[in-house]
Structure formats: structure tokens, C-alpha cells
Amino acid sequence: MKFRIRVLTIFLITSFFSYSQEGIPVYSDYLSDNYYLLHPSMAGAANCAKIRLTARKQWFGQDDAPSLQTLSFNGRVGERSGAGIILFNDKNGYHSQKGVKLTYAHHIMFSRDEIDLNQLSFGISGGVIQNQLDETKFGSTLDPVIFGGIQSDTYFNMDVGASYNFMDFYAHATVQGLLETRRELYSDYEYDNLRKFLLSAGYVFGKNQNITWEPSILFQLFEKTKEKTLDINLKAYKNMDFGSLWAALSYRRSFDGAEYVSGSGVASQKLQYITPIIGVNFKKFMFAYTYSQVMGDVKFDNGAYHQITLGLNLFCKKERYDCLCPAVN
């Protein structure tokens, strides 16, 4: 019984994250002014170049718990182009992956002047990813499948997407893992590349108020498995003399679940967790702390995830857009 519950726990908490191992997993870090991590079309879309460093840790106190670090930079190149780079290191037990993505984006402005925001953007990223499986700690075994060393596999893939920013409204659409890349690190029966479709949209309101509000959503669809998740988010901003204070609350829920034995019957549970975020923008610097709590009767350890994001804005335009558009202004 305990074994079955443990297997279900690992499935519920890591299944959607493991499908995201084709590149950078999709967590809630995009809400820390980091939409470029998800959407290549956001490279250079803002009026500042942005550096973002994130560090994420799951299940404190557990050996070989999942962890992720990302470092990204993106900015405007000329009047209508943008470029960016993302470095990441993702580790989960014996499995790890490292990679780099390079991005080019093109921005089409429909505005009559420089302060009105009406921008359509297209972006493409190409990346090299190295997957590793560390079998050095597996111990002695007669299984011929076990190599006993560190196996690795390197492959190339692409992301493409589009964004539309119109005053206080924005929308993004991205295909991650565009190419059908065959990996054979674990077995000959691995899936081809697990392509993902991402759709997000949001609106900022409260221009004449002390606090502005930004509701948004993010929808994910995994092509091979047909699995779907939805994020429902709400952010609040308060302008200060030094910059701004902000907070966010995100709720993620999957459309698919897993069945498990509960007492004398069978119960079902869907992956869901809630994520509060707090942040501060101090002049050109940004700091954010993210905490995610898995919900449900079955979860591993306490089901908690912690993340810190550090940011720096550079080469900002003197004239800002006349809109409530924090991801661009």
C-alpha cells in the first residue's frame, strides 16, 4: 500500500514537470517579470534590456531533490529587432540537463507615436540541450542495461512564438520543442520530443488607483500525451518613490489525474498547487521570492517549492509607454 502511494505521489508531483524536461520546465517564474523564459517573441519587447537569474529548490531536506537554475538576458537590437540568450541547469535525482538557447525576435509597431503601445512580435529560439543519466551511484548489478557510468545525449531543438501588446492588454502563443527530436538515453522506446503549446493572456487595470491589478492565465497542452494544465493568476502593484512593490497569487490545475487506492475504494487526484509571490523593484534592480504548495491528499514530503529571482534592467529608454504594461515598461 505504501509503495503504491509513493508511486502515485511521484507521478502526481513530477509527471507534468518531467514532461517539461524537454528544455526549461514551466513553473511560475514567468510571473517574476520573466515572460521571455516562456515566449521567444518577448526578446527585446520591453523598453529595457533585462537580466534575470532564478534559483529553484524542491523538497528541502530530501537528497537529490529537483532543482533548477536559469540565467537569461534579452534586449532590443536596433529599432525593430530583439535578441536574447538563456542558460539553464536542471537536476532531478540521477537525471540532469544543461542547455543554452539563442533567440531572435522581430517587433512591428502600429502606434502613431513612441508612447502608445501597439506592438506585434514574432520570435524564434534555437537551443542545444545535453541530458545526462548518472548511474555511478546505482551500485553493483548484473543487469546488462545498467552502464554504471554517466550517460549523456545532446540534441538541438527550436521554439517559435508570437506576442501582441496593446496598451494594457497582452497575449502570447508559443510552441516549445518544435522539432521531432529522438532521444535514446534511457531506452529505444522513448517518446519522440514532447512538443508543448503555450497560450497566455492578461490585462492590467486601475490606472487612477493607488494599486493596479493584473489578472492573467496560462494554458499548456502537451501534444503527445494530450495532457493540459491551466494557471489562473492575479498580481497587484503599488508604485513607490524608489520603484514598486508587488505581489502575485497563482493557482495551477491539471485537467488530468491519477487513480489510487484509498481505504477500500479507489480515489482520483489531479495535480494542483497554489503559488504566492512577493517582489520589489528598486530602481533598476528586481527581487522576488516564490513559494509553491502542492494541494491534495497525496503528496511527497510537504509538497513545497522555493524560488528566488534576481533581476537587473539596463539601457532603458527615457520615454516610457503611456500604459499599465509592467512587462514592457
C-alpha atoms as a PDB file:
ATOM      1  CA  MET A   1       0.000   0.000   0.000  1.00  0.00           C
ATOM      2  CA  LYS A   2       2.784   2.439   0.958  1.00  0.00           C
ATOM      3  CA  PHE A   3       4.623   1.575  -2.234  1.00  0.00           C
ATOM      4  CA  ARG A   4       1.561   2.322  -4.374  1.00  0.00           C
ATOM      5  CA  ILE A   5       1.009   5.651  -2.618  1.00  0.00           C
ATOM      6  CA  ARG A   6       4.658   6.568  -3.127  1.00  0.00           C
ATOM      7  CA  VAL A   7       4.461   5.756  -6.822  1.00  0.00           C
ATOM      8  CA  LEU A   8       1.299   7.861  -7.191  1.00  0.00           C
ATOM      9  CA  THR A   9       2.930  10.710  -5.307  1.00  0.00           C
ATOM     10  CA  ILE A  10       5.878  10.781  -7.648  1.00  0.00           C
ATOM     11  CA  PHE A  11       3.518  10.629 -10.636  1.00  0.00           C
ATOM     12  CA  LEU A  12       1.287  13.460  -9.464  1.00  0.00           C
ATOM     13  CA  ILE A  13       4.005  15.852  -8.439  1.00  0.00           C
ATOM     14  CA  THR A  14       6.602  15.206 -11.114  1.00  0.00           C
ATOM     15  CA  SER A  15       4.644  13.995 -14.138  1.00  0.00           C
ATOM     16  CA  PHE A  16       3.937  17.441 -15.567  1.00  0.00           C
ATOM     17  CA  PHE A  17       7.379  18.627 -14.551  1.00  0.00           C
ATOM     18  CA  SER A  18       9.076  15.622 -16.164  1.00  0.00           C
ATOM     19  CA  TYR A  19       7.208  16.229 -19.421  1.00  0.00           C
ATOM     20  CA  SER A  20       8.709  19.698 -19.248  1.00  0.00           C
ATOM     21  CA  GLN A  21      12.230  18.274 -19.174  1.00  0.00           C
ATOM     22  CA  GLU A  22      12.430  18.930 -22.916  1.00  0.00           C
ATOM     23  CA  GLY A  23      14.109  22.230 -22.153  1.00  0.00           C
ATOM     24  CA  ILE A  24      13.218  24.505 -19.266  1.00  0.00           C
ATOM     25  CA  PRO A  25      10.312  23.276 -17.100  1.00  0.00           C
ATOM     26  CA  VAL A  26       7.333  25.633 -16.996  1.00  0.00           C
ATOM     27  CA  TYR A  27       6.886  26.765 -13.421  1.00  0.00           C
ATOM     28  CA  SER A  28       5.534  30.103 -12.157  1.00  0.00           C
ATOM     29  CA  ASP A  29       8.771  32.075 -12.563  1.00  0.00           C
ATOM     30  CA  TYR A  30       7.366  33.859 -15.618  1.00  0.00           C
ATOM     31  CA  LEU A  31       5.285  35.929 -13.185  1.00  0.00           C
ATOM     32  CA  SER A  32       8.505  37.456 -11.825  1.00  0.00           C
ATOM     33  CA  ASP A  33       8.757  39.751 -14.862  1.00  0.00           C
ATOM     34  CA  ASN A  34      10.265  36.896 -16.859  1.00  0.00           C
ATOM     35  CA  TYR A  35       7.926  36.147 -19.778  1.00  0.00           C
ATOM     36  CA  TYR A  36      10.956  35.747 -22.043  1.00  0.00           C
ATOM     37  CA  LEU A  37      11.627  32.346 -20.390  1.00  0.00           C
ATOM     38  CA  LEU A  38       8.419  31.058 -22.000  1.00  0.00           C
ATOM     39  CA  HIS A  39       7.945  33.174 -25.100  1.00  0.00           C
ATOM     40  CA  PRO A  40      10.825  33.919 -27.507  1.00  0.00           C
ATOM     41  CA  SER A  41       8.764  36.727 -29.039  1.00  0.00           C
ATOM     42  CA  MET A  42       9.302  38.728 -25.831  1.00  0.00           C
ATOM     43  CA  ALA A  43      13.036  39.127 -26.512  1.00  0.00           C
ATOM     44  CA  GLY A  44      13.603  42.861 -26.740  1.00  0.00           C
ATOM     45  CA  ALA A  45       9.878  43.654 -26.451  1.00  0.00           C
ATOM     46  CA  ALA A  46      10.357  45.845 -23.386  1.00  0.00           C
ATOM     47  CA  ASN A  47      11.854  49.329 -23.252  1.00  0.00           C
ATOM     48  CA  CYS A  48      14.738  47.975 -21.111  1.00  0.00           C
ATOM     49  CA  ALA A  49      17.206  45.150 -21.580  1.00  0.00           C
ATOM     50  CA  LYS A  50      16.648  42.579 -18.817  1.00  0.00           C
ATOM     51  CA  ILE A  51      18.907  40.202 -16.916  1.00  0.00           C
ATOM     52  CA  ARG A  52      17.139  37.588 -14.796  1.00  0.00           C
ATOM     53  CA  LEU A  53      18.704  34.947 -12.529  1.00  0.00           C
ATOM     54  CA  THR A  54      16.486  32.307 -10.907  1.00  0.00           C
ATOM     55  CA  ALA A  55      17.221  29.504  -8.456  1.00  0.00           C
ATOM     56  CA  ARG A  56      14.538  26.946  -7.575  1.00  0.00           C
ATOM     57  CA  LYS A  57      14.648  24.136  -4.996  1.00  0.00           C
ATOM     58  CA  GLN A  58      12.036  21.497  -4.208  1.00  0.00           C
ATOM     59  CA  TRP A  59      11.561  19.408  -1.059  1.00  0.00           C
ATOM     60  CA  PHE A  60      14.189  20.816   1.324  1.00  0.00           C
ATOM     61  CA  GLY A  61      15.847  18.084   3.362  1.00  0.00           C
ATOM     62  CA  GLN A  62      15.496  15.445   0.636  1.00  0.00           C
ATOM     63  CA  ASP A  63      18.612  14.148  -1.090  1.00  0.00           C
ATOM     64  CA  ASP A  64      18.815  14.732  -4.847  1.00  0.00           C
ATOM     65  CA  ALA A  65      15.597  16.764  -4.829  1.00  0.00           C
ATOM     66  CA  PRO A  66      14.748  18.609  -8.065  1.00  0.00           C
ATOM     67  CA  SER A  67      16.479  21.959  -8.554  1.00  0.00           C
ATOM     68  CA  LEU A  68      16.650  24.444 -11.409  1.00  0.00           C
ATOM     69  CA  GLN A  69      18.802  27.480 -12.173  1.00  0.00           C
ATOM     70  CA  THR A  70      18.330  29.839 -15.126  1.00  0.00           C
ATOM     71  CA  LEU A  71      20.192  32.907 -16.330  1.00  0.00           C
ATOM     72  CA  SER A  72      18.676  34.985 -19.119  1.00  0.00           C
ATOM     73  CA  PHE A  73      19.401  38.225 -20.932  1.00  0.00           C
ATOM     74  CA  ASN A  74      17.322  39.908 -23.628  1.00  0.00           C
ATOM     75  CA  GLY A  75      17.163  43.345 -25.151  1.00  0.00           C
ATOM     76  CA  ARG A  76      16.382  45.460 -28.181  1.00  0.00           C
ATOM     77  CA  VAL A  77      18.686  45.381 -31.212  1.00  0.00           C
ATOM     78  CA  GLY A  78      18.097  48.379 -33.429  1.00  0.00           C
ATOM     79  CA  GLU A  79      14.586  49.789 -33.820  1.00  0.00           C
ATOM     80  CA  ARG A  80      12.592  46.673 -34.663  1.00  0.00           C
ATOM     81  CA  SER A  81      14.579  43.641 -33.521  1.00  0.00           C
ATOM     82  CA  GLY A  82      15.363  41.861 -30.270  1.00  0.00           C
ATOM     83  CA  ALA A  83      17.809  39.178 -29.168  1.00  0.00           C
ATOM     84  CA  GLY A  84      18.320  37.053 -26.102  1.00  0.00           C
ATOM     85  CA  ILE A  85      20.138  34.152 -24.504  1.00  0.00           C
ATOM     86  CA  ILE A  86      19.088  31.655 -21.827  1.00  0.00           C
ATOM     87  CA  LEU A  87      21.383  29.328 -19.864  1.00  0.00           C
ATOM     88  CA  PHE A  88      19.849  26.674 -17.621  1.00  0.00           C
ATOM     89  CA  ASN A  89      20.774  23.756 -15.377  1.00  0.00           C
ATOM     90  CA  ASP A  90      18.037  21.335 -14.317  1.00  0.00           C
ATOM     91  CA  LYS A  91      18.683  18.403 -11.957  1.00  0.00           C
ATOM     92  CA  ASN A  92      16.250  15.768 -10.732  1.00  0.00           C
ATOM     93  CA  GLY A  93      17.798  12.836  -8.890  1.00  0.00           C
ATOM     94  CA  TYR A  94      20.040  10.862 -11.224  1.00  0.00           C
ATOM     95  CA  HIS A  95      18.814  12.825 -14.238  1.00  0.00           C
ATOM     96  CA  SER A  96      20.071  16.275 -15.216  1.00  0.00           C
ATOM     97  CA  GLN A  97      20.077  18.538 -18.230  1.00  0.00           C
ATOM     98  CA  LYS A  98      22.011  21.629 -19.208  1.00  0.00           C
ATOM     99  CA  GLY A  99      21.322  23.870 -22.138  1.00  0.00           C
ATOM    100  CA  VAL A 100      21.590  27.177 -23.906  1.00  0.00           C
ATOM    101  CA  LYS A 101      19.029  28.981 -26.090  1.00  0.00           C
ATOM    102  CA  LEU A 102      19.656  31.843 -28.503  1.00  0.00           C
ATOM    103  CA  THR A 103      16.713  33.994 -29.592  1.00  0.00           C
ATOM    104  CA  TYR A 104      15.878  36.440 -32.337  1.00  0.00           C
ATOM    105  CA  ALA A 105      12.649  38.456 -32.337  1.00  0.00           C
ATOM    106  CA  HIS A 106      11.103  40.990 -34.705  1.00  0.00           C
ATOM    107  CA  HIS A 107       8.718  43.681 -33.493  1.00  0.00           C
ATOM    108  CA  ILE A 108       6.156  45.524 -35.620  1.00  0.00           C
ATOM    109  CA  MET A 109       4.845  48.773 -34.175  1.00  0.00           C
ATOM    110  CA  PHE A 110       1.414  50.024 -35.231  1.00  0.00           C
ATOM    111  CA  SER A 111       1.483  53.060 -32.934  1.00  0.00           C
ATOM    112  CA  ARG A 112       1.314  56.615 -34.211  1.00  0.00           C
ATOM    113  CA  ASP A 113       3.959  57.781 -31.740  1.00  0.00           C
ATOM    114  CA  GLU A 114       6.585  56.382 -29.359  1.00  0.00           C
ATOM    115  CA  ILE A 115       4.470  56.364 -26.197  1.00  0.00           C
ATOM    116  CA  ASP A 116       1.425  54.456 -27.481  1.00  0.00           C
ATOM    117  CA  LEU A 117       1.918  50.698 -27.241  1.00  0.00           C
ATOM    118  CA  ASN A 118       0.534  48.642 -30.122  1.00  0.00           C
ATOM    119  CA  GLN A 119       3.152  46.010 -30.926  1.00  0.00           C
ATOM    120  CA  LEU A 120       3.071  42.638 -32.690  1.00  0.00           C
ATOM    121  CA  SER A 121       6.132  40.442 -32.119  1.00  0.00           C
ATOM    122  CA  PHE A 122       7.476  37.212 -33.572  1.00  0.00           C
ATOM    123  CA  GLY A 123      10.321  35.202 -32.083  1.00  0.00           C
ATOM    124  CA  ILE A 124      12.351  32.059 -32.676  1.00  0.00           C
ATOM    125  CA  SER A 125      14.816  30.298 -30.364  1.00  0.00           C
ATOM    126  CA  GLY A 126      17.346  27.621 -31.169  1.00  0.00           C
ATOM    127  CA  GLY A 127      18.869  25.621 -28.351  1.00  0.00           C
ATOM    128  CA  VAL A 128      21.348  22.868 -27.583  1.00  0.00           C
ATOM    129  CA  ILE A 129      20.431  20.607 -24.658  1.00  0.00           C
ATOM    130  CA  GLN A 130      22.532  17.905 -23.014  1.00  0.00           C
ATOM    131  CA  ASN A 131      20.729  15.230 -20.998  1.00  0.00           C
ATOM    132  CA  GLN A 132      22.690  13.124 -18.502  1.00  0.00           C
ATOM    133  CA  LEU A 133      21.921   9.986 -16.533  1.00  0.00           C
ATOM    134  CA  ASP A 134      24.309   9.357 -13.630  1.00  0.00           C
ATOM    135  CA  GLU A 135      24.467   5.616 -12.912  1.00  0.00           C
ATOM    136  CA  THR A 136      27.603   5.768 -10.757  1.00  0.00           C
ATOM    137  CA  LYS A 137      25.528   5.524  -7.553  1.00  0.00           C
ATOM    138  CA  PHE A 138      23.379   2.616  -8.693  1.00  0.00           C
ATOM    139  CA  GLY A 139      25.712   0.104  -7.003  1.00  0.00           C
ATOM    140  CA  SER A 140      26.820  -3.258  -8.316  1.00  0.00           C
ATOM    141  CA  THR A 141      24.275  -5.010 -10.520  1.00  0.00           C
ATOM    142  CA  LEU A 142      24.186  -7.792 -13.074  1.00  0.00           C
ATOM    143  CA  ASP A 143      21.579  -6.006 -15.160  1.00  0.00           C
ATOM    144  CA  PRO A 144      23.128  -5.519 -18.625  1.00  0.00           C
ATOM    145  CA  VAL A 145      21.019  -2.380 -19.126  1.00  0.00           C
ATOM    146  CA  ILE A 146      22.913  -0.597 -16.328  1.00  0.00           C
ATOM    147  CA  PHE A 147      26.045   1.026 -17.735  1.00  0.00           C
ATOM    148  CA  GLY A 148      27.477   2.050 -14.357  1.00  0.00           C
ATOM    149  CA  GLY A 149      28.833   5.407 -15.564  1.00  0.00           C
ATOM    150  CA  ILE A 150      27.442   8.723 -16.761  1.00  0.00           C
ATOM    151  CA  GLN A 151      25.464   8.524 -19.981  1.00  0.00           C
ATOM    152  CA  SER A 152      24.740  11.676 -21.989  1.00  0.00           C
ATOM    153  CA  ASP A 153      22.870  12.686 -25.109  1.00  0.00           C
ATOM    154  CA  THR A 154      22.977  16.098 -26.809  1.00  0.00           C
ATOM    155  CA  TYR A 155      20.367  17.386 -29.225  1.00  0.00           C
ATOM    156  CA  PHE A 156      19.078  20.559 -30.883  1.00  0.00           C
ATOM    157  CA  ASN A 157      15.576  21.988 -30.792  1.00  0.00           C
ATOM    158  CA  MET A 158      13.608  25.150 -31.507  1.00  0.00           C
ATOM    159  CA  ASP A 159      10.819  27.270 -30.028  1.00  0.00           C
ATOM    160  CA  VAL A 160       8.651  29.690 -32.003  1.00  0.00           C
ATOM    161  CA  GLY A 161       6.046  32.170 -30.857  1.00  0.00           C
ATOM    162  CA  ALA A 162       4.154  35.425 -31.257  1.00  0.00           C
ATOM    163  CA  SER A 163       3.109  38.176 -28.842  1.00  0.00           C
ATOM    164  CA  TYR A 164       0.704  41.078 -29.080  1.00  0.00           C
ATOM    165  CA  ASN A 165       0.926  44.014 -26.663  1.00  0.00           C
ATOM    166  CA  PHE A 166      -1.800  46.645 -26.978  1.00  0.00           C
ATOM    167  CA  MET A 167      -1.798  49.255 -24.221  1.00  0.00           C
ATOM    168  CA  ASP A 168      -2.889  47.413 -21.047  1.00  0.00           C
ATOM    169  CA  PHE A 169      -3.618  44.082 -22.782  1.00  0.00           C
ATOM    170  CA  TYR A 170      -1.201  41.335 -23.850  1.00  0.00           C
ATOM    171  CA  ALA A 171      -1.375  37.849 -25.354  1.00  0.00           C
ATOM    172  CA  HIS A 172       1.272  35.253 -26.191  1.00  0.00           C
ATOM    173  CA  ALA A 173       1.315  31.978 -28.139  1.00  0.00           C
ATOM    174  CA  THR A 174       4.376  29.698 -28.254  1.00  0.00           C
ATOM    175  CA  VAL A 175       5.286  26.226 -29.472  1.00  0.00           C
ATOM    176  CA  GLN A 176       8.127  24.730 -27.447  1.00  0.00           C
ATOM    177  CA  GLY A 177      10.097  21.763 -28.771  1.00  0.00           C
ATOM    178  CA  LEU A 178       9.108  22.363 -32.379  1.00  0.00           C
ATOM    179  CA  LEU A 179      11.310  19.608 -33.856  1.00  0.00           C
ATOM    180  CA  GLU A 180      10.711  15.868 -33.507  1.00  0.00           C
ATOM    181  CA  THR A 181      13.993  15.049 -31.781  1.00  0.00           C
ATOM    182  CA  ARG A 182      14.594  11.385 -30.999  1.00  0.00           C
ATOM    183  CA  ARG A 183      16.442  10.662 -27.758  1.00  0.00           C
ATOM    184  CA  GLU A 184      17.726   7.237 -26.784  1.00  0.00           C
ATOM    185  CA  LEU A 185      19.305   7.974 -23.427  1.00  0.00           C
ATOM    186  CA  TYR A 186      17.057   5.681 -21.421  1.00  0.00           C
ATOM    187  CA  SER A 187      15.722   3.148 -23.920  1.00  0.00           C
ATOM    188  CA  ASP A 188      14.818   2.604 -27.552  1.00  0.00           C
ATOM    189  CA  TYR A 189      11.165   3.110 -26.629  1.00  0.00           C
ATOM    190  CA  GLU A 190      11.343   6.736 -25.542  1.00  0.00           C
ATOM    191  CA  TYR A 191       8.810   9.142 -26.923  1.00  0.00           C
ATOM    192  CA  ASP A 192       9.876  11.495 -29.619  1.00  0.00           C
ATOM    193  CA  ASN A 193      10.191  15.073 -28.496  1.00  0.00           C
ATOM    194  CA  LEU A 194       7.220  16.128 -26.340  1.00  0.00           C
ATOM    195  CA  ARG A 195       6.033  19.297 -28.071  1.00  0.00           C
ATOM    196  CA  LYS A 196       4.185  21.839 -25.926  1.00  0.00           C
ATOM    197  CA  PHE A 197       1.733  24.581 -26.839  1.00  0.00           C
ATOM    198  CA  LEU A 198       1.536  27.617 -24.536  1.00  0.00           C
ATOM    199  CA  LEU A 199      -1.175  30.289 -24.609  1.00  0.00           C
ATOM    200  CA  SER A 200      -1.229  33.186 -22.163  1.00  0.00           C
ATOM    201  CA  ALA A 201      -3.088  36.469 -21.856  1.00  0.00           C
ATOM    202  CA  GLY A 202      -3.600  39.217 -19.314  1.00  0.00           C
ATOM    203  CA  TYR A 203      -4.882  42.723 -18.683  1.00  0.00           C
ATOM    204  CA  VAL A 204      -3.782  45.455 -16.266  1.00  0.00           C
ATOM    205  CA  PHE A 205      -6.304  47.906 -14.822  1.00  0.00           C
ATOM    206  CA  GLY A 206      -6.561  50.534 -12.084  1.00  0.00           C
ATOM    207  CA  LYS A 207      -4.783  53.475 -13.719  1.00  0.00           C
ATOM    208  CA  ASN A 208      -6.224  56.094 -11.358  1.00  0.00           C
ATOM    209  CA  GLN A 209      -5.865  53.964  -8.226  1.00  0.00           C
ATOM    210  CA  ASN A 210      -3.030  53.500  -5.735  1.00  0.00           C
ATOM    211  CA  ILE A 211      -2.843  49.812  -6.595  1.00  0.00           C
ATOM    212  CA  THR A 212      -3.006  48.339 -10.099  1.00  0.00           C
ATOM    213  CA  TRP A 213      -4.234  44.796 -10.773  1.00  0.00           C
ATOM    214  CA  GLU A 214      -3.158  42.285 -13.389  1.00  0.00           C
ATOM    215  CA  PRO A 215      -5.233  39.102 -13.872  1.00  0.00           C
ATOM    216  CA  SER A 216      -3.782  36.598 -16.342  1.00  0.00           C
ATOM    217  CA  ILE A 217      -3.948  32.972 -17.454  1.00  0.00           C
ATOM    218  CA  LEU A 218      -1.530  30.424 -18.909  1.00  0.00           C
ATOM    219  CA  PHE A 219      -2.720  27.295 -20.736  1.00  0.00           C
ATOM    220  CA  GLN A 220      -0.403  24.383 -21.566  1.00  0.00           C
ATOM    221  CA  LEU A 221      -1.053  21.446 -23.884  1.00  0.00           C
ATOM    222  CA  PHE A 222       1.332  18.506 -24.350  1.00  0.00           C
ATOM    223  CA  GLU A 223       0.902  17.178 -27.860  1.00  0.00           C
ATOM    224  CA  LYS A 224       1.865  13.511 -27.357  1.00  0.00           C
ATOM    225  CA  THR A 225       0.088  12.867 -24.080  1.00  0.00           C
ATOM    226  CA  LYS A 226      -2.818  15.327 -24.596  1.00  0.00           C
ATOM    227  CA  GLU A 227      -2.334  16.497 -21.028  1.00  0.00           C
ATOM    228  CA  LYS A 228      -3.456  20.027 -20.187  1.00  0.00           C
ATOM    229  CA  THR A 229      -2.845  22.477 -17.338  1.00  0.00           C
ATOM    230  CA  LEU A 230      -4.228  25.935 -16.580  1.00  0.00           C
ATOM    231  CA  ASP A 231      -2.724  28.731 -14.476  1.00  0.00           C
ATOM    232  CA  ILE A 232      -5.023  31.419 -13.069  1.00  0.00           C
ATOM    233  CA  ASN A 233      -3.007  34.380 -11.807  1.00  0.00           C
ATOM    234  CA  LEU A 234      -3.548  37.723 -10.111  1.00  0.00           C
ATOM    235  CA  LYS A 235      -0.843  40.332  -9.499  1.00  0.00           C
ATOM    236  CA  ALA A 236      -1.058  43.632  -7.642  1.00  0.00           C
ATOM    237  CA  TYR A 237       1.371  46.565  -7.949  1.00  0.00           C
ATOM    238  CA  LYS A 238       1.880  49.594  -5.751  1.00  0.00           C
ATOM    239  CA  ASN A 239       4.095  52.405  -7.062  1.00  0.00           C
ATOM    240  CA  MET A 240       6.672  53.787  -4.638  1.00  0.00           C
ATOM    241  CA  ASP A 241       9.248  56.565  -4.794  1.00  0.00           C
ATOM    242  CA  PHE A 242      12.025  54.010  -5.316  1.00  0.00           C
ATOM    243  CA  GLY A 243      10.124  51.801  -7.773  1.00  0.00           C
ATOM    244  CA  SER A 244       7.283  49.436  -6.887  1.00  0.00           C
ATOM    245  CA  LEU A 245       6.140  46.715  -4.527  1.00  0.00           C
ATOM    246  CA  TRP A 246       4.132  43.850  -5.962  1.00  0.00           C
ATOM    247  CA  ALA A 247       2.617  40.505  -5.050  1.00  0.00           C
ATOM    248  CA  ALA A 248       1.031  37.673  -7.007  1.00  0.00           C
ATOM    249  CA  LEU A 249      -1.076  34.613  -6.405  1.00  0.00           C
ATOM    250  CA  SER A 250      -1.154  31.750  -8.915  1.00  0.00           C
ATOM    251  CA  TYR A 251      -3.257  28.597  -8.979  1.00  0.00           C
ATOM    252  CA  ARG A 252      -2.327  25.720 -11.293  1.00  0.00           C
ATOM    253  CA  ARG A 253      -4.581  22.759 -12.001  1.00  0.00           C
ATOM    254  CA  SER A 254      -4.311  19.871 -14.411  1.00  0.00           C
ATOM    255  CA  PHE A 255      -7.234  18.585 -16.444  1.00  0.00           C
ATOM    256  CA  ASP A 256      -5.989  15.006 -15.988  1.00  0.00           C
ATOM    257  CA  GLY A 257      -5.486  12.966 -12.828  1.00  0.00           C
ATOM    258  CA  ALA A 258      -4.446   9.602 -11.474  1.00  0.00           C
ATOM    259  CA  GLU A 259      -6.364   6.954  -9.561  1.00  0.00           C
ATOM    260  CA  TYR A 260      -5.088   5.378  -6.343  1.00  0.00           C
ATOM    261  CA  VAL A 261      -6.325   3.005  -3.668  1.00  0.00           C
ATOM    262  CA  SER A 262      -7.871   4.826  -0.716  1.00  0.00           C
ATOM    263  CA  GLY A 263      -9.145   2.567   2.051  1.00  0.00           C
ATOM    264  CA  SER A 264     -11.457   0.034   0.447  1.00  0.00           C
ATOM    265  CA  GLY A 265     -12.127   2.142  -2.639  1.00  0.00           C
ATOM    266  CA  VAL A 266     -10.420   3.986  -5.461  1.00  0.00           C
ATOM    267  CA  ALA A 267      -9.908   7.745  -5.415  1.00  0.00           C
ATOM    268  CA  SER A 268      -8.653  10.161  -8.027  1.00  0.00           C
ATOM    269  CA  GLN A 269      -6.423  13.203  -7.647  1.00  0.00           C
ATOM    270  CA  LYS A 270      -5.370  15.911 -10.107  1.00  0.00           C
ATOM    271  CA  LEU A 271      -2.158  17.870  -9.890  1.00  0.00           C
ATOM    272  CA  GLN A 272      -2.837  21.268  -8.354  1.00  0.00           C
ATOM    273  CA  TYR A 273      -0.825  23.770  -6.398  1.00  0.00           C
ATOM    274  CA  ILE A 274      -1.007  27.353  -5.247  1.00  0.00           C
ATOM    275  CA  THR A 275       1.862  29.834  -5.553  1.00  0.00           C
ATOM    276  CA  PRO A 276       2.173  33.154  -3.700  1.00  0.00           C
ATOM    277  CA  ILE A 277       4.930  35.522  -4.918  1.00  0.00           C
ATOM    278  CA  ILE A 278       6.268  38.742  -3.426  1.00  0.00           C
ATOM    279  CA  GLY A 279       8.603  41.136  -5.181  1.00  0.00           C
ATOM    280  CA  VAL A 280      10.152  44.576  -5.198  1.00  0.00           C
ATOM    281  CA  ASN A 281      11.515  46.757  -7.991  1.00  0.00           C
ATOM    282  CA  PHE A 282      14.174  49.082  -6.573  1.00  0.00           C
ATOM    283  CA  LYS A 283      15.300  51.475  -9.285  1.00  0.00           C
ATOM    284  CA  LYS A 284      16.951  49.185 -11.882  1.00  0.00           C
ATOM    285  CA  PHE A 285      17.001  46.109  -9.614  1.00  0.00           C
ATOM    286  CA  MET A 286      14.339  43.470  -9.035  1.00  0.00           C
ATOM    287  CA  PHE A 287      13.979  40.801  -6.327  1.00  0.00           C
ATOM    288  CA  ALA A 288      11.233  38.189  -5.983  1.00  0.00           C
ATOM    289  CA  TYR A 289      10.533  35.197  -3.743  1.00  0.00           C
ATOM    290  CA  THR A 290       8.216  32.397  -4.903  1.00  0.00           C
ATOM    291  CA  TYR A 291       6.666  29.662  -2.770  1.00  0.00           C
ATOM    292  CA  SER A 292       4.579  26.841  -4.238  1.00  0.00           C
ATOM    293  CA  GLN A 293       2.465  24.460  -2.175  1.00  0.00           C
ATOM    294  CA  VAL A 294       1.100  21.247  -3.683  1.00  0.00           C
ATOM    295  CA  MET A 295      -2.514  20.560  -2.722  1.00  0.00           C
ATOM    296  CA  GLY A 296      -4.326  17.254  -2.301  1.00  0.00           C
ATOM    297  CA  ASP A 297      -4.354  14.228  -0.031  1.00  0.00           C
ATOM    298  CA  VAL A 298      -1.301  12.578  -1.628  1.00  0.00           C
ATOM    299  CA  LYS A 299       1.979  14.478  -1.891  1.00  0.00           C
ATOM    300  CA  PHE A 300       5.676  13.883  -1.400  1.00  0.00           C
ATOM    301  CA  ASP A 301       7.262  15.356   1.773  1.00  0.00           C
ATOM    302  CA  ASN A 302       5.451  18.641   2.476  1.00  0.00           C
ATOM    303  CA  GLY A 303       4.994  19.391  -1.223  1.00  0.00           C
ATOM    304  CA  ALA A 304       6.774  22.769  -1.021  1.00  0.00           C
ATOM    305  CA  TYR A 305       8.892  24.570  -3.626  1.00  0.00           C
ATOM    306  CA  HIS A 306      11.013  27.682  -3.118  1.00  0.00           C
ATOM    307  CA  GLN A 307      12.461  30.059  -5.688  1.00  0.00           C
ATOM    308  CA  ILE A 308      14.416  33.312  -5.694  1.00  0.00           C
ATOM    309  CA  THR A 309      14.663  35.644  -8.693  1.00  0.00           C
ATOM    310  CA  LEU A 310      17.184  38.472  -9.079  1.00  0.00           C
ATOM    311  CA  GLY A 311      16.897  40.981 -11.906  1.00  0.00           C
ATOM    312  CA  LEU A 312      18.598  43.993 -13.417  1.00  0.00           C
ATOM    313  CA  ASN A 313      17.250  46.370 -16.080  1.00  0.00           C
ATOM    314  CA  LEU A 314      19.732  48.043 -18.429  1.00  0.00           C
ATOM    315  CA  PHE A 315      19.762  50.531 -21.322  1.00  0.00           C
ATOM    316  CA  CYS A 316      16.240  51.759 -20.618  1.00  0.00           C
ATOM    317  CA  LYS A 317      14.552  54.203 -22.989  1.00  0.00           C
ATOM    318  CA  LYS A 318      13.935  57.602 -21.446  1.00  0.00           C
ATOM    319  CA  GLU A 319      10.326  57.735 -22.628  1.00  0.00           C
ATOM    320  CA  ARG A 320       8.044  55.043 -21.258  1.00  0.00           C
ATOM    321  CA  TYR A 321       4.852  53.782 -22.862  1.00  0.00           C
ATOM    322  CA  ASP A 322       1.684  55.514 -21.701  1.00  0.00           C
ATOM    323  CA  CYS A 323       0.012  52.371 -20.404  1.00  0.00           C
ATOM    324  CA  LEU A 324      -0.218  49.959 -17.496  1.00  0.00           C
ATOM    325  CA  CYS A 325       2.139  47.399 -19.020  1.00  0.00           C
ATOM    326  CA  PRO A 326       4.721  46.285 -16.426  1.00  0.00           C
ATOM    327  CA  ALA A 327       6.167  43.516 -18.613  1.00  0.00           C
ATOM    328  CA  VAL A 328       7.058  46.090 -21.283  1.00  0.00           C
ATOM    329  CA  ASN A 329       7.582  49.352 -19.346  1.00  0.00           C
END
